[in-house]
Amino acid sequence: MTTPRMQPTRAAEWPDIRAQGSDLIRAAGVAGAGGAGFPSYAKWTALEDVDALLVNHQESEPNYRIDKWLGKTKAETFAALFDALLEQAVDLIVVSAKWKDRDEYVRALEAETDGTVLPPEELPLDRDAESGVVFAYTENTYQYGMESVLLKTVDGTVIGNDLPTDHGWLVQNTETLYNISRALSDGDPVTRKYVHVSGDVPRDRFLAVPIGTPASELLRAADCPPELLPADAVIADGGPGWCFPVDAPLDEYGVRKHTNCLLVLDEETVAENTYGEDRIDVLEAYEWTDREIESEPTAALEPSRVRIPLATNPEPDVVDPAEPIVAVGDRVGVGDPIAKPSSDGISNPQHASIAGEVTAVSASAVEIESR
C-alpha cells in the first residue's frame, strides 16, 4: 500500500477553502460540466458535513474523451488541488475510473499523487481505513457513471433520496473539478467548454468553445453545415445514453456549461429510443466505438457571436436564472460579469465568453458579437 502524499503543494496560493470555497466557486460561475449543470457552489456550502471527495472519472459515454484528457494532461493541477483539499477540507479523495482506462489515461495522475490503487475486485473500499488519495477502479460498466451507482460501487453507500453530502461525500466529475480548481487558485470564471460533436456527422470532433457558441457553429466544425442537414435530422444535447432534443433554432441554441456533446440523429431512431421527459438513449442504436474519435481538443472555435444562457440548469423550480447587469451596446471583455446571481434561491453569475458588444439581452440569455 502506497503512502499518500499529504503535504500541500503551492499552499500559499490557496484560499481558506472551508471559509471561502463556496463563494469563490459561485463567483466563477462554476456549474456541473456534465448532467444537469447544477451550480457547484451549492454542494460546497455543506463542506462542514463532508469528509470525503469522490471524483467521478468514469466518463461512461463511449464517444467522450474530455475527462480522460483532462486527467492525463492536467495531472499536476489536480494533484495541487488534492493537496490543498486534504490539508484544509477532507480526509479522503477517491478518484474512480474504469479499469480499462488506467494505463492510457490515469497513470499520470497516479504518479503525481502517489495515490493508493484499488482494482475492481477490492471494492467496495473501507472508508474508515483509507486516507489521502485513493484510485478506486471499477469494472468497465456503463452505468457506473451515475452518481448513486458509483457511490454504492465504491464504498457501499446507498443514498436513496438523500444527497451524497448527507452521507459525508462530495461528488464532482473531472471537468467540473478542473473548473473549481481554477476558481479557487486563480479566481478564473468559466467562459469555455469542452464539447464533442458526434452521431450522423462526417467527422467526429473534440472542440474547445466559448460558452454560448451556437450549435450551428459546432455542426460546421464537424463538416455538417445546418443547411445541409436531412429533413428528418434531430439535434440532441448530451451523450448517446442520456441526451435531450434541442428545441430551438440552431443559431440560437448556445452551448451550456453542461454541454458535453452535440449529437446529430435521425427522427426514426429518436422516436424508437425516447423515454420519460424526452430523454433519448441511443447507446445501442449506433456503433459508437467503431468510429474514429479525437482524443484531445483539435480546434478552439472562436465564433463571432455567442448566446450565453442565464441558467445552465433548465429546471425553473430548482435553479433561478441570473439577472443581467449589461445593456445592449455595452462593450465587454472575456471574463467580464454580464449577469449576477438571482437574489432568491440557487443561482450562478454569468460571464462574457468573447470580447465584443452586447447585442441582445432577454430573460433567458445575453448575446455578444465580436465587433
Protein backbone atom coordinates (compact mmCIF):
# COMPACT_ATOMS: atom_id res chain seq x y z
CA MET A 1 0.00 0.00 0.00
CA THR A 2 1.50 3.34 -1.08
CA THR A 3 1.68 6.11 1.48
CA PRO A 4 -0.41 9.02 0.17
CA ARG A 5 1.25 12.39 -0.28
CA MET A 6 -0.19 14.64 2.40
CA GLN A 7 1.90 17.83 2.23
CA PRO A 8 0.27 20.74 0.38
CA THR A 9 1.65 21.99 -2.90
CA ARG A 10 1.69 25.77 -3.52
CA ALA A 11 -0.11 26.13 -0.18
CA ALA A 12 0.31 29.91 -0.09
CA GLU A 13 -1.68 30.25 -3.30
CA TRP A 14 -4.80 28.59 -1.96
CA PRO A 15 -7.53 30.43 -0.05
CA ASP A 16 -9.23 29.19 3.11
CA ILE A 17 -11.37 26.63 1.29
CA ARG A 18 -13.74 25.95 4.17
CA ALA A 19 -14.42 29.65 4.72
CA GLN A 20 -14.27 30.94 1.15
CA GLY A 21 -14.55 27.97 -1.19
CA SER A 22 -18.27 28.13 -1.86
CA ASP A 23 -18.21 31.89 -2.50
CA LEU A 24 -15.24 31.64 -4.88
CA ILE A 25 -16.82 28.78 -6.80
CA ARG A 26 -20.03 30.75 -7.12
CA ALA A 27 -18.23 33.95 -8.18
CA ALA A 28 -16.61 31.96 -11.01
CA GLY A 29 -20.00 30.66 -12.15
CA VAL A 30 -18.96 27.00 -11.95
CA ALA A 31 -21.74 24.56 -12.81
CA GLY A 32 -21.77 20.80 -13.30
CA ALA A 33 -19.92 20.20 -16.56
CA GLY A 34 -21.99 17.11 -17.28
CA GLY A 35 -25.51 16.04 -16.47
CA ALA A 36 -27.87 18.67 -15.12
CA GLY A 37 -25.47 21.61 -14.89
CA PHE A 38 -26.35 22.31 -11.25
CA PRO A 39 -24.49 25.29 -9.69
CA SER A 40 -21.49 23.71 -8.00
CA TYR A 41 -21.21 26.16 -5.11
CA ALA A 42 -24.42 24.75 -3.60
CA LYS A 43 -22.64 21.44 -2.89
CA TRP A 44 -19.69 23.20 -1.27
CA THR A 45 -21.88 25.06 1.22
CA ALA A 46 -22.20 21.71 3.03
CA LEU A 47 -18.45 21.22 3.33
CA GLU A 48 -18.63 21.06 7.13
CA ASP A 49 -20.68 17.85 6.76
CA VAL A 50 -18.22 16.25 4.32
CA ASP A 51 -15.05 14.26 4.96
CA ALA A 52 -14.54 12.68 1.54
CA LEU A 53 -14.47 13.75 -2.12
CA LEU A 54 -15.41 11.34 -4.90
CA VAL A 55 -14.05 12.32 -8.31
CA ASN A 56 -16.35 10.80 -10.92
CA HIS A 57 -13.76 10.00 -13.58
CA GLN A 58 -15.93 7.34 -15.21
CA GLU A 59 -16.87 9.17 -18.43
CA SER A 60 -19.35 6.48 -19.38
CA GLU A 61 -20.32 7.86 -22.78
CA PRO A 62 -18.32 5.87 -25.33
CA ASN A 63 -17.57 8.89 -27.52
CA TYR A 64 -16.31 11.15 -24.70
CA ARG A 65 -12.65 11.88 -24.01
CA ILE A 66 -12.99 15.16 -22.09
CA ASP A 67 -12.38 13.92 -18.54
CA LYS A 68 -9.82 11.35 -19.67
CA TRP A 69 -7.82 14.03 -21.47
CA LEU A 70 -8.03 16.46 -18.54
CA GLY A 71 -6.92 13.85 -16.03
CA LYS A 72 -3.95 12.89 -18.20
CA THR A 73 -2.77 16.35 -19.26
CA LYS A 74 -3.66 18.36 -16.13
CA ALA A 75 -2.41 15.85 -13.56
CA GLU A 76 -0.26 18.44 -11.76
CA THR A 77 -3.25 20.79 -11.45
CA PHE A 78 -5.40 18.08 -9.88
CA ALA A 79 -2.58 16.96 -7.59
CA ALA A 80 -2.15 20.50 -6.27
CA LEU A 81 -5.89 20.81 -5.63
CA PHE A 82 -5.95 17.43 -3.88
CA ASP A 83 -3.11 18.53 -1.61
CA ALA A 84 -4.98 21.70 -0.66
CA LEU A 85 -8.23 19.85 -0.03
CA LEU A 86 -6.52 17.21 2.10
CA GLU A 87 -4.79 19.91 4.11
CA GLN A 88 -7.92 22.00 4.64
CA ALA A 89 -11.18 20.23 3.98
CA VAL A 90 -11.34 16.43 3.61
CA ASP A 91 -9.58 13.30 4.82
CA LEU A 92 -10.10 11.17 1.72
CA ILE A 93 -10.17 11.77 -2.04
CA VAL A 94 -11.31 8.88 -4.20
CA VAL A 95 -10.75 9.01 -7.95
CA SER A 96 -12.93 6.42 -9.64
CA ALA A 97 -12.26 5.46 -13.26
CA LYS A 98 -12.85 2.34 -15.33
CA TRP A 99 -10.12 -0.29 -15.16
CA LYS A 100 -9.72 -0.29 -18.95
CA ASP A 101 -8.71 3.39 -18.92
CA ARG A 102 -5.97 3.11 -16.31
CA ASP A 103 -2.88 2.61 -18.47
CA GLU A 104 -3.66 5.17 -21.16
CA TYR A 105 -5.33 7.91 -19.14
CA VAL A 106 -4.87 7.66 -15.36
CA ARG A 107 -1.26 6.62 -14.73
CA ALA A 108 -0.05 10.24 -14.86
CA LEU A 109 -2.47 11.26 -12.10
CA GLU A 110 -1.47 8.23 -10.03
CA ALA A 111 2.18 9.26 -10.32
CA GLU A 112 1.52 12.90 -9.37
CA THR A 113 -0.48 11.99 -6.26
CA ASP A 114 1.26 8.83 -5.07
CA GLY A 115 -2.23 7.51 -4.50
CA THR A 116 -3.27 4.07 -3.30
CA VAL A 117 -4.58 1.87 -6.13
CA LEU A 118 -7.56 -0.44 -5.61
CA PRO A 119 -8.56 -2.71 -8.52
CA PRO A 120 -12.22 -3.65 -9.06
CA GLU A 121 -12.05 -6.83 -7.01
CA GLU A 122 -11.07 -4.83 -3.91
CA LEU A 123 -14.21 -2.69 -3.94
CA PRO A 124 -16.11 -1.56 -2.02
CA LEU A 125 -13.33 0.13 -0.10
CA ASP A 126 -13.26 0.50 3.68
CA ARG A 127 -13.73 4.24 4.03
CA ASP A 128 -12.59 4.29 7.66
CA ALA A 129 -9.34 2.54 6.76
CA GLU A 130 -8.35 4.83 3.88
CA SER A 131 -6.99 8.38 3.75
CA GLY A 132 -5.24 10.62 1.27
CA VAL A 133 -5.77 9.89 -2.43
CA VAL A 134 -7.20 6.52 -3.49
CA PHE A 135 -7.79 5.32 -7.05
CA ALA A 136 -10.85 3.06 -6.91
CA TYR A 137 -11.11 1.35 -10.28
CA THR A 138 -14.39 -0.20 -11.35
CA GLU A 139 -15.29 -2.80 -13.93
CA ASN A 140 -15.97 -1.45 -17.40
CA THR A 141 -19.70 -0.95 -16.88
CA TYR A 142 -21.53 1.97 -18.48
CA GLN A 143 -23.90 2.66 -15.57
CA TYR A 144 -21.08 3.33 -13.11
CA GLY A 145 -21.06 6.92 -14.37
CA MET A 146 -24.30 7.51 -12.44
CA GLU A 147 -23.55 9.19 -9.12
CA SER A 148 -25.71 6.94 -6.97
CA VAL A 149 -24.46 3.76 -8.64
CA LEU A 150 -20.84 4.85 -8.36
CA LEU A 151 -21.12 5.63 -4.64
CA LYS A 152 -22.62 2.22 -3.96
CA THR A 153 -19.88 0.56 -6.01
CA VAL A 154 -17.01 2.50 -4.45
CA ASP A 155 -17.86 2.17 -0.76
CA GLY A 156 -21.30 0.61 -0.46
CA THR A 157 -23.11 3.88 0.27
CA VAL A 158 -26.78 3.81 -0.71
CA ILE A 159 -28.08 7.37 -0.92
CA GLY A 160 -31.69 6.65 -1.90
CA ASN A 161 -33.47 10.01 -1.96
CA ASP A 162 -30.67 11.68 0.01
CA LEU A 163 -27.84 13.80 -1.30
CA PRO A 164 -24.25 12.46 -1.22
CA THR A 165 -23.40 15.22 1.28
CA ASP A 166 -25.93 13.65 3.67
CA HIS A 167 -23.53 10.71 3.80
CA GLY A 168 -20.33 12.73 4.06
CA TRP A 169 -19.46 12.62 0.34
CA LEU A 170 -18.86 15.47 -2.07
CA VAL A 171 -19.11 14.20 -5.66
CA GLN A 172 -17.79 16.08 -8.71
CA ASN A 173 -16.93 14.99 -12.20
CA THR A 174 -13.47 15.75 -13.56
CA GLU A 175 -14.15 18.77 -15.77
CA THR A 176 -16.23 20.41 -13.05
CA LEU A 177 -13.42 19.86 -10.55
CA TYR A 178 -10.92 21.33 -13.01
CA ASN A 179 -13.06 24.50 -13.19
CA ILE A 180 -13.31 24.53 -9.40
CA SER A 181 -9.52 24.32 -9.13
CA ARG A 182 -9.14 27.35 -11.42
CA ALA A 183 -11.76 29.25 -9.44
CA LEU A 184 -10.10 28.53 -6.09
CA SER A 185 -6.48 29.07 -7.13
CA ASP A 186 -6.82 31.95 -9.59
CA GLY A 187 -10.41 33.22 -9.46
CA ASP A 188 -10.90 32.31 -13.13
CA PRO A 189 -14.55 32.34 -14.28
CA VAL A 190 -15.97 29.63 -16.50
CA THR A 191 -16.02 31.01 -20.05
CA ARG A 192 -15.17 27.97 -22.16
CA LYS A 193 -16.39 24.39 -22.53
CA TYR A 194 -15.02 21.18 -24.00
CA VAL A 195 -17.57 19.62 -26.36
CA HIS A 196 -17.76 16.60 -28.66
CA VAL A 197 -19.78 16.56 -31.88
CA SER A 198 -20.92 13.12 -32.98
CA GLY A 199 -23.70 11.00 -34.46
CA ASP A 200 -24.60 11.33 -38.14
CA VAL A 201 -21.77 13.71 -38.96
CA PRO A 202 -18.95 13.26 -41.49
CA ARG A 203 -16.33 13.87 -38.82
CA ASP A 204 -16.48 13.43 -35.05
CA ARG A 205 -14.91 16.39 -33.26
CA PHE A 206 -13.48 17.25 -29.82
CA LEU A 207 -13.59 21.05 -29.51
CA ALA A 208 -12.85 23.85 -27.05
CA VAL A 209 -15.52 26.53 -27.41
CA PRO A 210 -16.73 29.69 -25.65
CA ILE A 211 -19.88 29.28 -23.56
CA GLY A 212 -22.82 30.27 -25.75
CA THR A 213 -21.28 29.14 -29.06
CA PRO A 214 -24.23 28.44 -31.39
CA ALA A 215 -24.94 24.78 -32.15
CA SER A 216 -24.74 25.70 -35.83
CA GLU A 217 -21.03 26.52 -35.43
CA LEU A 218 -20.32 23.14 -33.82
CA LEU A 219 -22.01 21.36 -36.71
CA ARG A 220 -19.96 23.30 -39.25
CA ALA A 221 -16.79 22.24 -37.43
CA ALA A 222 -17.91 18.62 -37.96
CA ASP A 223 -18.32 19.23 -41.73
CA CYS A 224 -22.09 19.18 -41.23
CA PRO A 225 -23.45 22.66 -42.03
CA PRO A 226 -27.03 23.09 -40.80
CA GLU A 227 -28.33 23.99 -44.26
CA LEU A 228 -27.33 20.51 -45.49
CA LEU A 229 -28.96 18.56 -42.66
CA PRO A 230 -31.54 15.98 -43.76
CA ALA A 231 -35.17 16.93 -43.20
CA ASP A 232 -35.54 14.21 -40.56
CA ALA A 233 -32.43 15.20 -38.58
CA VAL A 234 -32.78 15.65 -34.80
CA ILE A 235 -30.10 17.55 -32.87
CA ALA A 236 -29.60 16.44 -29.26
CA ASP A 237 -27.61 17.90 -26.38
CA GLY A 238 -25.82 15.19 -24.41
CA GLY A 239 -24.24 11.78 -24.91
CA PRO A 240 -25.65 8.68 -26.59
CA GLY A 241 -27.01 7.23 -23.35
CA TRP A 242 -28.52 10.41 -21.96
CA CYS A 243 -29.43 13.32 -24.24
CA PHE A 244 -32.34 15.63 -24.99
CA PRO A 245 -33.60 17.17 -28.24
CA VAL A 246 -32.57 20.75 -28.94
CA ASP A 247 -35.82 22.72 -29.05
CA ALA A 248 -34.51 26.00 -30.50
CA PRO A 249 -33.11 27.20 -33.84
CA LEU A 250 -29.50 26.06 -34.11
CA ASP A 251 -28.23 29.64 -34.44
CA GLU A 252 -29.92 30.49 -31.13
CA TYR A 253 -29.01 27.41 -29.09
CA GLY A 254 -25.83 28.35 -27.24
CA VAL A 255 -23.53 25.78 -25.65
CA ARG A 256 -24.37 25.41 -21.95
CA LYS A 257 -21.87 24.82 -19.17
CA HIS A 258 -23.09 21.23 -19.03
CA THR A 259 -22.99 20.56 -22.80
CA ASN A 260 -20.56 17.68 -23.29
CA CYS A 261 -21.75 16.59 -26.70
CA LEU A 262 -23.95 17.62 -29.59
CA LEU A 263 -25.42 14.68 -31.49
CA VAL A 264 -26.98 14.52 -34.95
CA LEU A 265 -29.58 11.74 -35.01
CA ASP A 266 -32.42 10.71 -37.29
CA GLU A 267 -36.08 11.12 -36.40
CA GLU A 268 -36.99 7.43 -36.60
CA THR A 269 -34.16 6.34 -34.32
CA VAL A 270 -35.06 9.06 -31.82
CA ALA A 271 -38.75 8.04 -31.83
CA GLU A 272 -37.79 4.43 -31.09
CA ASN A 273 -35.41 5.39 -28.26
CA THR A 274 -37.14 8.21 -26.36
CA TYR A 275 -38.17 7.66 -22.76
CA GLY A 276 -39.62 9.72 -19.90
CA GLU A 277 -39.22 13.50 -20.02
CA ASP A 278 -37.92 13.34 -23.62
CA ARG A 279 -34.69 11.58 -22.64
CA ILE A 280 -33.08 9.86 -25.62
CA ASP A 281 -30.95 6.73 -25.21
CA VAL A 282 -29.32 5.64 -28.48
CA LEU A 283 -26.42 3.84 -26.83
CA GLU A 284 -27.31 0.58 -28.60
CA ALA A 285 -28.60 2.17 -31.81
CA TYR A 286 -25.18 3.19 -33.17
CA GLU A 287 -21.73 1.64 -33.27
CA TRP A 288 -20.15 4.36 -31.18
CA THR A 289 -16.89 2.58 -30.51
CA ASP A 290 -16.18 1.79 -34.18
CA ARG A 291 -15.69 5.41 -35.23
CA GLU A 292 -12.54 7.49 -35.18
CA ILE A 293 -12.64 9.74 -32.12
CA GLU A 294 -10.37 12.70 -31.49
CA SER A 295 -8.59 12.06 -28.20
CA GLU A 296 -7.75 15.71 -27.49
CA PRO A 297 -9.20 19.10 -28.44
CA THR A 298 -8.05 19.66 -32.01
CA ALA A 299 -9.68 23.06 -32.51
CA ALA A 300 -10.60 26.07 -30.42
CA LEU A 301 -13.60 27.70 -32.06
CA GLU A 302 -13.77 31.49 -31.99
CA PRO A 303 -17.34 32.33 -33.04
CA SER A 304 -18.27 35.88 -33.99
CA ARG A 305 -21.41 35.64 -31.84
CA VAL A 306 -22.39 33.85 -28.64
CA ARG A 307 -25.71 33.45 -26.86
CA ILE A 308 -24.98 32.84 -23.18
CA PRO A 309 -27.84 31.21 -21.22
CA LEU A 310 -28.65 32.85 -17.90
CA ALA A 311 -29.46 29.49 -16.28
CA THR A 312 -27.36 26.44 -17.07
CA ASN A 313 -29.81 24.15 -15.35
CA PRO A 314 -33.19 24.49 -17.13
CA GLU A 315 -35.34 23.43 -14.17
CA PRO A 316 -37.07 26.66 -13.04
CA ASP A 317 -38.19 25.13 -9.74
CA VAL A 318 -34.59 24.25 -8.83
CA VAL A 319 -32.25 26.92 -10.23
CA ASP A 320 -33.04 30.60 -10.78
CA PRO A 321 -31.61 32.36 -13.85
CA ALA A 322 -29.04 35.07 -13.34
CA GLU A 323 -30.09 38.70 -13.66
CA PRO A 324 -28.43 40.68 -16.50
CA ILE A 325 -26.22 43.61 -15.48
CA VAL A 326 -25.37 44.70 -19.03
CA ALA A 327 -27.40 46.52 -21.68
CA VAL A 328 -27.42 46.49 -25.46
CA GLY A 329 -24.47 48.47 -26.72
CA ASP A 330 -22.18 47.76 -23.75
CA ARG A 331 -18.69 46.53 -24.59
CA VAL A 332 -17.31 43.58 -22.61
CA GLY A 333 -14.10 41.61 -22.38
CA VAL A 334 -13.66 37.88 -21.84
CA GLY A 335 -14.49 37.07 -18.23
CA ASP A 336 -16.39 40.27 -17.50
CA PRO A 337 -19.56 39.71 -15.43
CA ILE A 338 -22.69 40.07 -17.54
CA ALA A 339 -25.29 38.74 -15.08
CA LYS A 340 -25.46 38.50 -11.29
CA PRO A 341 -26.99 35.64 -9.31
CA SER A 342 -30.67 35.94 -8.53
CA SER A 343 -31.30 37.28 -5.05
CA ASP A 344 -33.58 34.31 -4.35
CA GLY A 345 -32.80 30.61 -4.49
CA ILE A 346 -29.87 28.82 -6.11
CA SER A 347 -28.31 30.85 -8.90
CA ASN A 348 -24.97 31.43 -10.61
CA PRO A 349 -23.46 34.55 -12.19
CA GLN A 350 -22.60 34.51 -15.90
CA HIS A 351 -19.55 35.95 -17.67
CA ALA A 352 -18.71 37.11 -21.18
CA SER A 353 -17.07 34.32 -23.15
CA ILE A 354 -15.88 36.52 -26.03
CA ALA A 355 -14.88 40.17 -26.26
CA GLY A 356 -17.29 42.41 -28.10
CA GLU A 357 -20.57 44.29 -27.93
CA VAL A 358 -23.75 43.21 -26.20
CA THR A 359 -26.37 42.96 -28.94
CA ALA A 360 -29.35 41.45 -27.12
CA VAL A 361 -30.50 40.96 -23.53
CA SER A 362 -33.51 38.88 -22.53
CA ALA A 363 -34.81 37.00 -19.52
CA SER A 364 -33.08 33.83 -20.76
CA ALA A 365 -29.83 34.90 -22.45
CA VAL A 366 -27.29 37.60 -23.26
CA GLU A 367 -25.92 37.83 -26.80
CA ILE A 368 -22.49 39.24 -27.62
CA GLU A 369 -20.93 39.91 -31.03
CA SER A 370 -17.22 40.39 -31.57
CA ARG A 371 -17.45 43.80 -33.23
